[in-house]
Amino acid sequence: MLFEIFDNLTEMNKKIPAKKMVQAQAGKTKIALLKNQNEKWIAFKDACPHLQIPLTKGELTDDNCVLCTFHRYKFSLENGEEVNGKNTSPLRFFALFEKQNKLFVEIADEDLIEKDEFSF
């Protein structure tokens, strides 16, 4: 399912600098958005796979990772894997599309269902 994230991408590119995470809503799903150092938008579920803490409250590191500051889980923004060998699922990335100066995110139906750490 496609969700419109920004209705004026030109303005959002001016307001949100590279390497700054922001939270956006797509239906009931919270997503983390950021522009990488190459000015390319990246979207992933705004929940640490470990305990579902919002990753937008975490830190972006110089080695292109996002760090969950709650338990120090560190995820690569290239492949989503936890880089320190901790046993957890990878980040869940979402596809982004630009059309008519708007930014859209595509989220699969199974990702639209809100789950907590006790859901299977």
Protein backbone atom coordinates (compact mmCIF):
# COMPACT_ATOMS: atom_id res chain seq x y z
CA MET A 1 0.00 0.00 0.00
CA LEU A 2 1.31 3.47 -0.88
CA PHE A 3 1.21 6.35 1.59
CA GLU A 4 2.05 9.97 0.89
CA ILE A 5 4.73 11.16 3.29
CA PHE A 6 5.57 14.65 1.98
CA ASP A 7 3.30 16.71 -0.22
CA ASN A 8 6.10 19.11 -1.18
CA LEU A 9 9.41 17.30 -1.52
CA THR A 10 11.28 20.44 -2.55
CA GLU A 11 10.36 22.16 0.74
CA MET A 12 11.14 19.07 2.82
CA ASN A 13 14.57 18.76 1.18
CA LYS A 14 15.27 22.33 2.33
CA LYS A 15 13.94 21.76 5.89
CA ILE A 16 15.48 18.37 6.66
CA PRO A 17 19.28 18.28 6.37
CA ALA A 18 21.26 15.18 5.44
CA LYS A 19 21.83 12.69 8.26
CA LYS A 20 18.84 13.89 10.32
CA MET A 21 16.15 11.36 11.25
CA VAL A 22 12.49 12.30 11.46
CA GLN A 23 9.44 10.25 12.29
CA ALA A 24 6.52 10.01 9.87
CA GLN A 25 3.23 8.17 9.98
CA ALA A 26 2.00 5.80 7.25
CA GLY A 27 -1.40 4.55 8.33
CA LYS A 28 -0.77 3.19 11.82
CA THR A 29 2.88 2.43 11.07
CA LYS A 30 5.55 4.80 12.36
CA ILE A 31 8.50 5.09 10.04
CA ALA A 32 11.91 6.68 10.38
CA LEU A 33 13.01 8.85 7.46
CA LEU A 34 16.41 10.30 6.76
CA LYS A 35 18.54 11.59 3.96
CA ASN A 36 21.90 9.91 3.79
CA GLN A 37 25.14 11.72 3.01
CA ASN A 38 24.33 11.36 -0.73
CA GLU A 39 20.99 13.18 -0.22
CA LYS A 40 19.04 9.95 -0.87
CA TRP A 41 15.95 9.32 1.28
CA ILE A 42 15.86 6.11 3.36
CA ALA A 43 12.80 4.74 5.21
CA PHE A 44 12.58 2.00 7.82
CA LYS A 45 10.24 0.97 10.62
CA ASP A 46 10.74 3.32 13.55
CA ALA A 47 11.16 0.53 16.06
CA CYS A 48 14.30 -1.19 17.24
CA PRO A 49 13.87 -4.88 16.39
CA HIS A 50 15.06 -5.73 19.91
CA LEU A 51 12.40 -4.04 22.09
CA GLN A 52 10.50 -1.75 19.69
CA ILE A 53 12.05 1.49 21.06
CA PRO A 54 11.69 4.32 18.46
CA LEU A 55 14.95 4.55 16.55
CA THR A 56 14.30 8.23 15.80
CA LYS A 57 15.19 8.78 19.47
CA GLY A 58 18.54 7.12 18.77
CA GLU A 59 21.69 8.39 17.11
CA LEU A 60 23.11 8.33 13.60
CA THR A 61 26.74 7.28 13.65
CA ASP A 62 29.64 8.30 11.40
CA ASP A 63 29.89 4.74 10.03
CA ASN A 64 26.40 4.90 8.43
CA CYS A 65 24.50 3.17 11.22
CA VAL A 66 21.65 3.99 13.57
CA LEU A 67 22.21 3.35 17.27
CA CYS A 68 19.35 2.50 19.62
CA THR A 69 20.38 4.31 22.77
CA PHE A 70 18.30 2.07 25.06
CA HIS A 71 20.45 -1.11 24.83
CA ARG A 72 23.11 0.11 22.33
CA TYR A 73 21.97 -2.05 19.41
CA LYS A 74 23.59 -0.67 16.26
CA PHE A 75 22.11 -1.25 12.80
CA SER A 76 23.68 -0.71 9.38
CA LEU A 77 21.71 1.68 7.17
CA GLU A 78 22.96 -0.26 4.15
CA ASN A 79 21.65 -3.74 4.96
CA GLY A 80 19.77 -3.36 8.28
CA GLU A 81 21.90 -5.89 10.15
CA GLU A 82 22.99 -5.40 13.76
CA VAL A 83 26.74 -4.76 13.39
CA ASN A 84 27.99 -5.77 16.86
CA GLY A 85 26.84 -9.40 16.64
CA LYS A 86 23.84 -9.04 18.95
CA ASN A 87 21.09 -11.55 18.22
CA THR A 88 18.13 -9.63 16.78
CA SER A 89 16.21 -9.19 13.56
CA PRO A 90 17.43 -6.63 11.00
CA LEU A 91 15.80 -3.28 10.34
CA ARG A 92 12.70 -3.38 8.14
CA PHE A 93 13.26 -1.02 5.19
CA PHE A 94 10.47 0.44 3.04
CA ALA A 95 10.60 1.49 -0.61
CA LEU A 96 10.25 5.21 -1.34
CA PHE A 97 8.91 6.78 -4.54
CA GLU A 98 8.98 10.34 -5.79
CA LYS A 99 6.14 11.51 -8.03
CA GLN A 100 5.01 15.03 -8.91
CA ASN A 101 7.22 16.55 -6.18
CA LYS A 102 5.71 14.27 -3.53
CA LEU A 103 7.32 11.46 -1.53
CA PHE A 104 5.49 8.16 -1.07
CA VAL A 105 6.35 5.09 0.99
CA GLU A 106 5.24 1.56 0.13
CA ILE A 107 4.36 -0.67 3.06
CA ALA A 108 3.34 -4.32 2.72
CA ASP A 109 0.08 -5.37 4.34
CA GLU A 110 1.85 -7.48 6.99
CA ASP A 111 3.83 -4.41 8.10
CA LEU A 112 0.64 -2.39 8.59
CA ILE A 113 -0.39 -4.55 11.54
CA GLU A 114 0.85 -3.12 14.81
CA LYS A 115 2.73 -5.75 16.80
CA ASP A 116 4.35 -5.68 20.19
CA GLU A 117 7.18 -7.82 21.52
CA PHE A 118 4.71 -10.58 22.51
CA SER A 119 3.11 -10.94 19.05
CA PHE A 120 3.94 -13.84 16.73
